[in-house]
Amino acid sequence: MGRRRRWIGTTLGALALLLGVGWLGVARRDGPWGPIPGGRLHGRERPCPIEAAPFAAVHAVELEVSPDRPRSVRIWSVVVDDRLFVPGDFLTPMKRWPAQVVADPRVRIRIDGQLYRCRARRVTDPATVEALRRETARKYRIEPDGWAARSEVWWFELGPRLGDMGPQTAPTASSERSRNARPPGGT
């Protein structure tokens, strides 16, 4: 019996050490590791792209929140009307980062290895939320009227930070018209 206990204790100790070392490696890693959140995203930072259509087929992106204490997550992304959106708590309403984004909208997003500094703005317009749900159901092959369609999701639109509104990120005439055509108090 003593030998068995010693073996179990040694095995559990080794497992705990392995998990601890693994957790430290993930915490220091560049960005998230699969579904496990990570830290700061590394890379050459660019202003947030104005045109989002090139990212429509991207399955997942990495989003960094809380610039003072960076934390990054891997999430889905959706493009609607050439605007980039991310779901804040899709299927997992216990996530903390959406509230952190509301408190500080400065985010960074890595798409296909490129790092962009953006500003996140919560979407509250019901028509836009419905369009996002439909596009998400189509893109990720989710039942459009299933449980996911009925769950509350915080959506965020990603756009340029106010200080980045220079020539390389200046909205085009067509994007300004479409932006001005949105209903007051919308997204």
N, C-alpha and C. Protein backbone atom coordinates (compact mmCIF):
# COMPACT_ATOMS: atom_id res chain seq x y z
N MET A 1 0.82 -1.19 0.00
CA MET A 1 0.00 0.00 0.00
C MET A 1 0.86 1.25 0.00
N GLY A 2 1.97 1.26 0.75
CA GLY A 2 2.85 2.42 0.81
C GLY A 2 3.52 2.70 -0.52
N ARG A 3 3.86 1.64 -1.20
CA ARG A 3 4.52 1.78 -2.50
C ARG A 3 3.55 2.41 -3.53
N ARG A 4 2.31 1.97 -3.46
CA ARG A 4 1.30 2.50 -4.38
C ARG A 4 1.06 3.98 -4.11
N ARG A 5 0.95 4.36 -2.86
CA ARG A 5 0.75 5.78 -2.50
C ARG A 5 1.92 6.63 -2.98
N ARG A 6 3.12 6.11 -2.78
CA ARG A 6 4.30 6.85 -3.21
C ARG A 6 4.28 7.02 -4.74
N TRP A 7 3.90 5.98 -5.47
CA TRP A 7 3.82 6.06 -6.93
C TRP A 7 2.75 7.08 -7.36
N ILE A 8 1.59 7.05 -6.74
CA ILE A 8 0.52 8.00 -7.05
C ILE A 8 0.97 9.42 -6.72
N GLY A 9 1.61 9.60 -5.58
CA GLY A 9 2.10 10.93 -5.19
C GLY A 9 3.14 11.45 -6.18
N THR A 10 4.06 10.59 -6.56
CA THR A 10 5.09 10.99 -7.52
C THR A 10 4.46 11.34 -8.87
N THR A 11 3.52 10.53 -9.32
CA THR A 11 2.84 10.77 -10.60
C THR A 11 2.06 12.08 -10.56
N LEU A 12 1.31 12.30 -9.50
CA LEU A 12 0.54 13.54 -9.36
C LEU A 12 1.46 14.76 -9.27
N GLY A 13 2.56 14.62 -8.57
CA GLY A 13 3.53 15.72 -8.47
C GLY A 13 4.14 16.06 -9.83
N ALA A 14 4.51 15.02 -10.57
CA ALA A 14 5.08 15.25 -11.91
C ALA A 14 4.05 15.88 -12.83
N LEU A 15 2.82 15.44 -12.74
CA LEU A 15 1.75 16.01 -13.55
C LEU A 15 1.52 17.47 -13.19
N ALA A 16 1.50 17.79 -11.91
CA ALA A 16 1.33 19.18 -11.47
C ALA A 16 2.48 20.05 -11.97
N LEU A 17 3.70 19.55 -11.89
CA LEU A 17 4.87 20.29 -12.37
C LEU A 17 4.77 20.52 -13.88
N LEU A 18 4.38 19.50 -14.61
CA LEU A 18 4.24 19.61 -16.06
C LEU A 18 3.16 20.64 -16.43
N LEU A 19 2.03 20.59 -15.74
CA LEU A 19 0.96 21.56 -16.00
C LEU A 19 1.40 22.97 -15.64
N GLY A 20 2.12 23.13 -14.54
CA GLY A 20 2.61 24.44 -14.14
C GLY A 20 3.58 25.03 -15.15
N VAL A 21 4.51 24.23 -15.61
CA VAL A 21 5.47 24.69 -16.62
C VAL A 21 4.74 25.00 -17.92
N GLY A 22 3.79 24.17 -18.29
CA GLY A 22 3.00 24.42 -19.50
C GLY A 22 2.21 25.70 -19.40
N TRP A 23 1.59 25.95 -18.25
CA TRP A 23 0.81 27.17 -18.05
C TRP A 23 1.71 28.40 -18.15
N LEU A 24 2.89 28.34 -17.56
CA LEU A 24 3.82 29.47 -17.67
C LEU A 24 4.23 29.70 -19.11
N GLY A 25 4.44 28.63 -19.85
CA GLY A 25 4.80 28.76 -21.26
C GLY A 25 3.69 29.42 -22.06
N VAL A 26 2.44 29.04 -21.79
CA VAL A 26 1.31 29.63 -22.49
C VAL A 26 1.16 31.10 -22.09
N ALA A 27 1.32 31.40 -20.81
CA ALA A 27 1.15 32.78 -20.34
C ALA A 27 2.19 33.71 -20.95
N ARG A 28 3.39 33.22 -21.23
CA ARG A 28 4.45 34.04 -21.79
C ARG A 28 4.46 34.00 -23.32
N ARG A 29 3.69 33.13 -23.90
CA ARG A 29 3.65 32.93 -25.34
C ARG A 29 3.07 34.15 -26.04
N ASP A 30 3.36 34.28 -27.30
CA ASP A 30 2.83 35.35 -28.13
C ASP A 30 1.39 35.02 -28.51
N GLY A 31 0.45 35.62 -27.82
CA GLY A 31 -0.96 35.42 -28.13
C GLY A 31 -1.54 34.16 -27.54
N PRO A 32 -2.81 33.89 -27.88
CA PRO A 32 -3.49 32.73 -27.32
C PRO A 32 -2.98 31.43 -27.92
N TRP A 33 -3.25 30.36 -27.22
CA TRP A 33 -2.88 29.03 -27.67
C TRP A 33 -4.17 28.23 -27.79
N GLY A 34 -4.70 28.16 -29.00
CA GLY A 34 -6.00 27.53 -29.20
C GLY A 34 -7.04 28.28 -28.39
N PRO A 35 -7.82 27.57 -27.58
CA PRO A 35 -8.86 28.24 -26.79
C PRO A 35 -8.34 28.88 -25.50
N ILE A 36 -7.05 28.71 -25.22
CA ILE A 36 -6.48 29.24 -23.97
C ILE A 36 -5.99 30.66 -24.22
N PRO A 37 -6.50 31.65 -23.44
CA PRO A 37 -6.07 33.04 -23.63
C PRO A 37 -4.57 33.19 -23.44
N GLY A 38 -4.01 34.19 -24.09
CA GLY A 38 -2.58 34.46 -23.99
C GLY A 38 -2.34 35.90 -23.56
N GLY A 39 -1.13 36.36 -23.80
CA GLY A 39 -0.74 37.71 -23.42
C GLY A 39 -0.65 38.62 -24.63
N ARG A 40 0.32 39.51 -24.58
CA ARG A 40 0.51 40.51 -25.63
C ARG A 40 0.78 39.85 -26.98
N LEU A 41 0.19 40.43 -28.02
CA LEU A 41 0.47 40.00 -29.39
C LEU A 41 1.72 40.73 -29.87
N HIS A 42 2.62 40.02 -30.50
CA HIS A 42 3.87 40.63 -30.97
C HIS A 42 3.86 40.73 -32.49
N GLY A 43 4.54 41.75 -32.98
CA GLY A 43 4.64 41.94 -34.42
C GLY A 43 4.64 43.42 -34.76
N ARG A 44 4.87 43.71 -36.01
CA ARG A 44 4.85 45.09 -36.47
C ARG A 44 3.40 45.55 -36.56
N GLU A 45 3.09 46.59 -35.83
CA GLU A 45 1.72 47.09 -35.72
C GLU A 45 1.39 48.05 -36.86
N ARG A 46 0.21 47.90 -37.40
CA ARG A 46 -0.28 48.79 -38.47
C ARG A 46 -1.62 49.38 -38.03
N PRO A 47 -2.02 50.50 -38.66
CA PRO A 47 -3.36 51.03 -38.37
C PRO A 47 -4.44 50.03 -38.83
N CYS A 48 -5.56 50.08 -38.19
CA CYS A 48 -6.68 49.18 -38.51
C CYS A 48 -7.11 49.37 -39.96
N PRO A 49 -7.33 48.29 -40.68
CA PRO A 49 -7.74 48.43 -42.08
C PRO A 49 -9.14 49.01 -42.20
N ILE A 50 -9.32 49.87 -43.18
CA ILE A 50 -10.64 50.45 -43.42
C ILE A 50 -11.52 49.46 -44.18
N GLU A 51 -10.97 48.80 -45.16
CA GLU A 51 -11.74 47.86 -45.97
C GLU A 51 -11.57 46.46 -45.40
N ALA A 52 -12.68 45.85 -45.03
CA ALA A 52 -12.64 44.56 -44.36
C ALA A 52 -12.92 43.38 -45.29
N ALA A 53 -13.40 43.65 -46.50
CA ALA A 53 -13.76 42.56 -47.41
C ALA A 53 -12.65 41.52 -47.59
N PRO A 54 -11.36 41.91 -47.65
CA PRO A 54 -10.32 40.89 -47.81
C PRO A 54 -10.25 39.88 -46.66
N PHE A 55 -10.87 40.19 -45.53
CA PHE A 55 -10.81 39.31 -44.36
C PHE A 55 -12.06 38.46 -44.20
N ALA A 56 -12.99 38.53 -45.14
CA ALA A 56 -14.27 37.83 -45.01
C ALA A 56 -14.11 36.32 -44.86
N ALA A 57 -13.11 35.73 -45.50
CA ALA A 57 -12.94 34.28 -45.45
C ALA A 57 -12.09 33.80 -44.26
N VAL A 58 -11.51 34.72 -43.50
CA VAL A 58 -10.68 34.34 -42.36
C VAL A 58 -11.55 33.69 -41.29
N HIS A 59 -11.15 32.49 -40.86
CA HIS A 59 -11.96 31.73 -39.91
C HIS A 59 -11.84 32.26 -38.47
N ALA A 60 -10.62 32.55 -38.04
CA ALA A 60 -10.41 33.01 -36.66
C ALA A 60 -9.34 34.08 -36.64
N VAL A 61 -9.46 35.00 -35.69
CA VAL A 61 -8.50 36.07 -35.50
C VAL A 61 -8.06 36.06 -34.04
N GLU A 62 -6.98 36.78 -33.76
CA GLU A 62 -6.52 36.91 -32.37
C GLU A 62 -6.75 38.36 -31.96
N LEU A 63 -7.42 38.56 -30.85
CA LEU A 63 -7.77 39.89 -30.37
C LEU A 63 -7.09 40.13 -29.02
N GLU A 64 -6.39 41.26 -28.93
CA GLU A 64 -5.75 41.66 -27.67
C GLU A 64 -6.54 42.80 -27.07
N VAL A 65 -6.87 42.69 -25.79
CA VAL A 65 -7.61 43.72 -25.06
C VAL A 65 -6.77 44.22 -23.90
N SER A 66 -7.24 45.27 -23.25
CA SER A 66 -6.59 45.83 -22.06
C SER A 66 -5.12 46.14 -22.29
N PRO A 67 -4.81 47.22 -23.03
CA PRO A 67 -3.42 47.53 -23.36
C PRO A 67 -2.49 47.65 -22.15
N ASP A 68 -3.03 48.06 -21.01
CA ASP A 68 -2.19 48.20 -19.82
C ASP A 68 -1.80 46.84 -19.22
N ARG A 69 -2.65 45.86 -19.39
CA ARG A 69 -2.39 44.48 -18.96
C ARG A 69 -2.88 43.56 -20.07
N PRO A 70 -2.13 43.46 -21.17
CA PRO A 70 -2.61 42.78 -22.36
C PRO A 70 -3.02 41.33 -22.14
N ARG A 71 -4.12 41.00 -22.75
CA ARG A 71 -4.66 39.65 -22.72
C ARG A 71 -5.21 39.39 -24.12
N SER A 72 -4.96 38.24 -24.67
CA SER A 72 -5.42 37.97 -26.03
C SER A 72 -6.24 36.68 -26.08
N VAL A 73 -7.19 36.69 -27.02
CA VAL A 73 -8.07 35.55 -27.22
C VAL A 73 -8.18 35.26 -28.71
N ARG A 74 -8.49 34.03 -29.02
CA ARG A 74 -8.76 33.65 -30.41
C ARG A 74 -10.28 33.61 -30.57
N ILE A 75 -10.78 34.32 -31.58
CA ILE A 75 -12.23 34.41 -31.77
C ILE A 75 -12.57 34.38 -33.25
N TRP A 76 -13.85 34.21 -33.52
CA TRP A 76 -14.35 34.27 -34.88
C TRP A 76 -14.42 35.72 -35.32
N SER A 77 -14.54 35.92 -36.61
CA SER A 77 -14.76 37.26 -37.15
C SER A 77 -15.76 37.18 -38.29
N VAL A 78 -16.47 38.27 -38.50
CA VAL A 78 -17.49 38.34 -39.53
C VAL A 78 -17.35 39.68 -40.24
N VAL A 79 -17.51 39.67 -41.55
CA VAL A 79 -17.51 40.91 -42.33
C VAL A 79 -18.91 41.10 -42.90
N VAL A 80 -19.49 42.25 -42.61
CA VAL A 80 -20.80 42.63 -43.14
C VAL A 80 -20.68 44.06 -43.64
N ASP A 81 -21.12 44.30 -44.86
CA ASP A 81 -21.04 45.64 -45.47
C ASP A 81 -19.63 46.21 -45.43
N ASP A 82 -18.64 45.37 -45.69
CA ASP A 82 -17.23 45.76 -45.71
C ASP A 82 -16.75 46.32 -44.37
N ARG A 83 -17.40 45.87 -43.29
CA ARG A 83 -17.01 46.26 -41.92
C ARG A 83 -16.69 44.98 -41.15
N LEU A 84 -15.65 45.05 -40.31
CA LEU A 84 -15.17 43.89 -39.56
C LEU A 84 -15.78 43.87 -38.17
N PHE A 85 -16.31 42.71 -37.79
CA PHE A 85 -16.95 42.53 -36.48
C PHE A 85 -16.41 41.28 -35.80
N VAL A 86 -16.43 41.29 -34.47
CA VAL A 86 -16.11 40.09 -33.69
C VAL A 86 -17.20 39.90 -32.65
N PRO A 87 -17.60 38.64 -32.40
CA PRO A 87 -18.59 38.36 -31.37
C PRO A 87 -17.91 38.33 -30.01
N GLY A 88 -18.46 39.05 -29.06
CA GLY A 88 -17.82 39.19 -27.76
C GLY A 88 -17.99 38.01 -26.84
N ASP A 89 -19.10 37.32 -26.91
CA ASP A 89 -19.30 36.21 -25.96
C ASP A 89 -20.15 35.12 -26.57
N PHE A 90 -19.88 34.80 -27.81
CA PHE A 90 -20.65 33.82 -28.53
C PHE A 90 -20.56 32.46 -27.86
N LEU A 91 -21.67 31.94 -27.45
CA LEU A 91 -21.82 30.62 -26.82
C LEU A 91 -21.16 30.51 -25.44
N THR A 92 -20.49 31.54 -24.98
CA THR A 92 -19.84 31.49 -23.66
C THR A 92 -20.02 32.83 -22.96
N PRO A 93 -21.17 33.06 -22.34
CA PRO A 93 -21.45 34.35 -21.72
C PRO A 93 -20.62 34.67 -20.48
N MET A 94 -19.72 33.79 -20.08
CA MET A 94 -18.90 34.04 -18.89
C MET A 94 -17.59 34.75 -19.20
N LYS A 95 -17.33 35.08 -20.45
CA LYS A 95 -16.07 35.72 -20.80
C LYS A 95 -15.97 37.11 -20.18
N ARG A 96 -14.75 37.50 -19.79
CA ARG A 96 -14.50 38.81 -19.17
C ARG A 96 -14.09 39.87 -20.17
N TRP A 97 -13.47 39.47 -21.28
CA TRP A 97 -12.88 40.46 -22.16
C TRP A 97 -13.89 41.42 -22.80
N PRO A 98 -15.15 41.02 -23.08
CA PRO A 98 -16.06 42.02 -23.65
C PRO A 98 -16.26 43.24 -22.75
N ALA A 99 -16.38 43.02 -21.45
CA ALA A 99 -16.53 44.15 -20.53
C ALA A 99 -15.25 44.98 -20.49
N GLN A 100 -14.09 44.34 -20.63
CA GLN A 100 -12.83 45.08 -20.67
C GLN A 100 -12.76 45.96 -21.91
N VAL A 101 -13.31 45.49 -23.03
CA VAL A 101 -13.31 46.29 -24.26
C VAL A 101 -14.25 47.48 -24.13
N VAL A 102 -15.38 47.29 -23.46
CA VAL A 102 -16.30 48.41 -23.24
C VAL A 102 -15.61 49.47 -22.39
N ALA A 103 -14.84 49.05 -21.39
CA ALA A 103 -14.13 49.99 -20.51
C ALA A 103 -12.98 50.68 -21.24
N ASP A 104 -12.30 49.98 -22.13
CA ASP A 104 -11.18 50.55 -22.90
C ASP A 104 -11.23 49.97 -24.31
N PRO A 105 -11.73 50.75 -25.28
CA PRO A 105 -11.94 50.21 -26.63
C PRO A 105 -10.68 50.04 -27.47
N ARG A 106 -9.51 50.37 -26.92
CA ARG A 106 -8.27 50.17 -27.68
C ARG A 106 -7.95 48.68 -27.71
N VAL A 107 -7.96 48.12 -28.90
CA VAL A 107 -7.65 46.71 -29.08
C VAL A 107 -6.63 46.56 -30.19
N ARG A 108 -6.04 45.38 -30.24
CA ARG A 108 -5.17 45.02 -31.36
C ARG A 108 -5.67 43.68 -31.87
N ILE A 109 -5.61 43.51 -33.18
CA ILE A 109 -6.11 42.28 -33.78
C ILE A 109 -5.07 41.75 -34.75
N ARG A 110 -4.85 40.44 -34.68
CA ARG A 110 -3.91 39.81 -35.62
C ARG A 110 -4.74 38.96 -36.58
N ILE A 111 -4.59 39.29 -37.87
CA ILE A 111 -5.31 38.58 -38.92
C ILE A 111 -4.27 38.06 -39.91
N ASP A 112 -4.24 36.77 -40.10
CA ASP A 112 -3.28 36.15 -41.04
C ASP A 112 -1.85 36.64 -40.80
N GLY A 113 -1.45 36.75 -39.54
CA GLY A 113 -0.09 37.12 -39.20
C GLY A 113 0.18 38.62 -39.18
N GLN A 114 -0.78 39.45 -39.58
CA GLN A 114 -0.60 40.91 -39.59
C GLN A 114 -1.28 41.49 -38.35
N LEU A 115 -0.59 42.39 -37.67
CA LEU A 115 -1.08 42.98 -36.44
C LEU A 115 -1.60 44.39 -36.70
N TYR A 116 -2.82 44.66 -36.25
CA TYR A 116 -3.46 45.96 -36.47
C TYR A 116 -3.93 46.54 -35.14
N ARG A 117 -3.74 47.86 -34.97
CA ARG A 117 -4.29 48.54 -33.79
C ARG A 117 -5.64 49.11 -34.22
N CYS A 118 -6.65 48.81 -33.43
CA CYS A 118 -8.01 49.20 -33.79
C CYS A 118 -8.74 49.77 -32.57
N ARG A 119 -9.91 50.23 -32.84
CA ARG A 119 -10.84 50.70 -31.81
C ARG A 119 -12.08 49.82 -31.94
N ALA A 120 -12.54 49.26 -30.84
CA ALA A 120 -13.73 48.42 -30.86
C ALA A 120 -14.93 49.24 -30.38
N ARG A 121 -16.03 49.06 -31.07
CA ARG A 121 -17.25 49.78 -30.70
C ARG A 121 -18.38 48.76 -30.61
N ARG A 122 -19.07 48.72 -29.49
CA ARG A 122 -20.13 47.74 -29.30
C ARG A 122 -21.30 48.06 -30.22
N VAL A 123 -21.82 47.02 -30.82
CA VAL A 123 -22.95 47.14 -31.74
C VAL A 123 -24.23 46.90 -30.96
N THR A 124 -25.17 47.82 -31.05
CA THR A 124 -26.44 47.66 -30.34
C THR A 124 -27.65 47.74 -31.27
N ASP A 125 -27.45 48.14 -32.52
CA ASP A 125 -28.56 48.26 -33.46
C ASP A 125 -29.13 46.88 -33.78
N PRO A 126 -30.42 46.64 -33.51
CA PRO A 126 -31.01 45.31 -33.72
C PRO A 126 -30.88 44.79 -35.16
N ALA A 127 -31.03 45.66 -36.14
CA ALA A 127 -30.93 45.21 -37.54
C ALA A 127 -29.51 44.75 -37.85
N THR A 128 -28.51 45.46 -37.35
CA THR A 128 -27.12 45.07 -37.58
C THR A 128 -26.81 43.77 -36.86
N VAL A 129 -27.29 43.63 -35.62
CA VAL A 129 -27.07 42.39 -34.86
C VAL A 129 -27.69 41.21 -35.61
N GLU A 130 -28.88 41.40 -36.15
CA GLU A 130 -29.52 40.32 -36.91
C GLU A 130 -28.71 39.96 -38.16
N ALA A 131 -28.20 40.95 -38.87
CA ALA A 131 -27.37 40.70 -40.05
C ALA A 131 -26.10 39.94 -39.64
N LEU A 132 -25.53 40.29 -38.49
CA LEU A 132 -24.33 39.60 -38.00
C LEU A 132 -24.64 38.14 -37.64
N ARG A 133 -25.78 37.91 -37.02
CA ARG A 133 -26.18 36.54 -36.68
C ARG A 133 -26.35 35.69 -37.95
N ARG A 134 -27.01 36.26 -38.95
CA ARG A 134 -27.23 35.53 -40.20
C ARG A 134 -25.90 35.20 -40.88
N GLU A 135 -25.00 36.19 -40.94
CA GLU A 135 -23.70 35.95 -41.59
C GLU A 135 -22.87 34.94 -40.80
N THR A 136 -22.93 35.00 -39.48
CA THR A 136 -22.20 34.04 -38.65
C THR A 136 -22.74 32.63 -38.88
N ALA A 137 -24.07 32.49 -38.93
CA ALA A 137 -24.68 31.18 -39.18
C ALA A 137 -24.25 30.64 -40.54
N ARG A 138 -24.21 31.50 -41.55
CA ARG A 138 -23.78 31.06 -42.88
C ARG A 138 -22.30 30.67 -42.89
N LYS A 139 -21.45 31.56 -42.36
CA LYS A 139 -20.01 31.34 -42.43
C LYS A 139 -19.56 30.13 -41.62
N TYR A 140 -20.12 29.96 -40.43
CA TYR A 140 -19.66 28.90 -39.53
C TYR A 140 -20.60 27.69 -39.50
N ARG A 141 -21.57 27.68 -40.41
CA ARG A 141 -22.50 26.56 -40.55
C ARG A 141 -23.20 26.23 -39.23
N ILE A 142 -23.81 27.24 -38.68
CA ILE A 142 -24.57 27.10 -37.43
C ILE A 142 -26.05 27.17 -37.79
N GLU A 143 -26.86 26.43 -37.11
CA GLU A 143 -28.30 26.47 -37.33
C GLU A 143 -28.78 27.91 -37.08
N PRO A 144 -29.32 28.58 -38.11
CA PRO A 144 -29.67 30.00 -37.98
C PRO A 144 -30.76 30.30 -36.95
N ASP A 145 -31.60 29.31 -36.64
CA ASP A 145 -32.66 29.54 -35.66
C ASP A 145 -32.45 28.71 -34.39
N GLY A 146 -31.27 28.16 -34.23
CA GLY A 146 -31.00 27.31 -33.07
C GLY A 146 -30.69 28.12 -31.81
N TRP A 147 -30.13 27.43 -30.83
CA TRP A 147 -29.83 28.04 -29.54
C TRP A 147 -28.91 29.26 -29.68
N ALA A 148 -27.92 29.14 -30.56
CA ALA A 148 -26.97 30.24 -30.75
C ALA A 148 -27.66 31.50 -31.25
N ALA A 149 -28.69 31.35 -32.05
CA ALA A 149 -29.41 32.51 -32.57
C ALA A 149 -30.22 33.19 -31.48
N ARG A 150 -30.58 32.46 -30.46
CA ARG A 150 -31.39 33.04 -29.38
C ARG A 150 -30.55 33.55 -28.21
N SER A 151 -29.28 33.23 -28.18
CA SER A 151 -28.44 33.68 -27.06
C SER A 151 -28.00 35.12 -27.27
N GLU A 152 -27.80 35.82 -26.17
CA GLU A 152 -27.35 37.21 -26.26
C GLU A 152 -25.86 37.22 -26.59
N VAL A 153 -25.51 38.01 -27.58
CA VAL A 153 -24.12 38.13 -28.00
C VAL A 153 -23.77 39.61 -28.07
N TRP A 154 -22.66 39.99 -27.48
CA TRP A 154 -22.15 41.34 -27.64
C TRP A 154 -21.28 41.34 -28.89
N TRP A 155 -21.61 42.18 -29.83
CA TRP A 155 -20.83 42.30 -31.06
C TRP A 155 -20.03 43.58 -31.00
N PHE A 156 -18.82 43.53 -31.57
CA PHE A 156 -17.96 44.71 -31.63
C PHE A 156 -17.54 44.94 -33.07
N GLU A 157 -17.67 46.20 -33.51
CA GLU A 157 -17.14 46.59 -34.81
C GLU A 157 -15.74 47.12 -34.59
N LEU A 158 -14.80 46.69 -35.42
CA LEU A 158 -13.42 47.13 -35.31
C LEU A 158 -13.14 48.15 -36.40
N GLY A 159 -12.59 49.28 -35.98
CA GLY A 159 -12.26 50.35 -36.92
C GLY A 159 -11.01 51.07 -36.46
N PRO A 160 -10.59 52.07 -37.23
CA PRO A 160 -9.37 52.80 -36.87
C PRO A 160 -9.51 53.55 -35.55
N ARG A 161 -8.41 53.65 -34.84
CA ARG A 161 -8.37 54.50 -33.65
C ARG A 161 -8.41 55.95 -34.11
N LEU A 162 -8.90 56.81 -33.26
CA LEU A 162 -9.06 58.22 -33.64
C LEU A 162 -7.76 58.85 -34.10
N GLY A 163 -6.65 58.54 -33.48
CA GLY A 163 -5.36 59.12 -33.86
C GLY A 163 -4.80 58.55 -35.16
N ASP A 164 -5.42 57.49 -35.68
CA ASP A 164 -4.93 56.85 -36.90
C ASP A 164 -5.68 57.29 -38.14
N MET A 165 -6.51 58.26 -38.04
CA MET A 165 -7.30 58.68 -39.21
C MET A 165 -6.46 59.54 -40.13
N GLY A 166 -5.41 58.94 -40.69
CA GLY A 166 -4.52 59.62 -41.63
C GLY A 166 -4.75 59.11 -43.03
N PRO A 167 -3.88 59.46 -43.96
CA PRO A 167 -4.07 59.06 -45.36
C PRO A 167 -4.18 57.56 -45.57
N GLN A 168 -3.40 56.75 -44.81
CA GLN A 168 -3.44 55.32 -45.05
C GLN A 168 -4.71 54.68 -44.51
N THR A 169 -5.44 55.37 -43.63
CA THR A 169 -6.66 54.78 -43.09
C THR A 169 -7.86 55.67 -43.33
N ALA A 170 -7.69 56.72 -44.08
CA ALA A 170 -8.80 57.64 -44.31
C ALA A 170 -9.94 56.91 -45.01
N PRO A 171 -11.17 57.11 -44.53
CA PRO A 171 -12.30 56.46 -45.18
C PRO A 171 -12.45 56.95 -46.61
N THR A 172 -12.90 56.06 -47.48
CA THR A 172 -13.15 56.45 -48.86
C THR A 172 -14.48 57.19 -48.91
N ALA A 173 -14.76 57.86 -50.03
CA ALA A 173 -16.02 58.59 -50.18
C ALA A 173 -17.20 57.64 -50.04
N SER A 174 -17.11 56.44 -50.61
CA SER A 174 -18.23 55.50 -50.52
C SER A 174 -18.43 55.01 -49.09
N SER A 175 -17.33 54.79 -48.35
CA SER A 175 -17.49 54.33 -46.98
C SER A 175 -18.06 55.43 -46.09
N GLU A 176 -17.71 56.69 -46.37
CA GLU A 176 -18.27 57.80 -45.62
C GLU A 176 -19.77 57.90 -45.87
N ARG A 177 -20.19 57.74 -47.14
CA ARG A 177 -21.62 57.80 -47.44
C ARG A 177 -22.36 56.69 -46.71
N SER A 178 -21.82 55.47 -46.75
CA SER A 178 -22.51 54.36 -46.09
C SER A 178 -22.51 54.54 -44.58
N ARG A 179 -21.44 55.10 -44.03
CA ARG A 179 -21.39 55.36 -42.60
C ARG A 179 -22.42 56.41 -42.20
N ASN A 180 -22.55 57.45 -43.01
CA ASN A 180 -23.51 58.51 -42.71
C ASN A 180 -24.94 58.05 -42.95
N ALA A 181 -25.14 56.99 -43.72
CA ALA A 181 -26.47 56.50 -44.02
C ALA A 181 -27.01 55.60 -42.89
N ARG A 182 -26.21 55.28 -41.91
CA ARG A 182 -26.65 54.44 -40.81
C ARG A 182 -27.63 55.20 -39.94
N PRO A 183 -28.57 54.49 -39.36
CA PRO A 183 -29.56 55.18 -38.51
C PRO A 183 -28.91 55.78 -37.28
N PRO A 184 -29.43 56.94 -36.82
CA PRO A 184 -28.89 57.56 -35.60
C PRO A 184 -29.03 56.59 -34.43
N GLY A 185 -28.00 56.58 -33.60
CA GLY A 185 -28.03 55.70 -32.42
C GLY A 185 -27.87 54.24 -32.77
N GLY A 186 -27.50 53.96 -34.02
CA GLY A 186 -27.34 52.57 -34.47
C GLY A 186 -26.09 51.96 -33.91
N THR A 187 -25.44 51.18 -34.74
CA THR A 187 -24.28 50.43 -34.29
C THR A 187 -23.27 51.37 -33.73
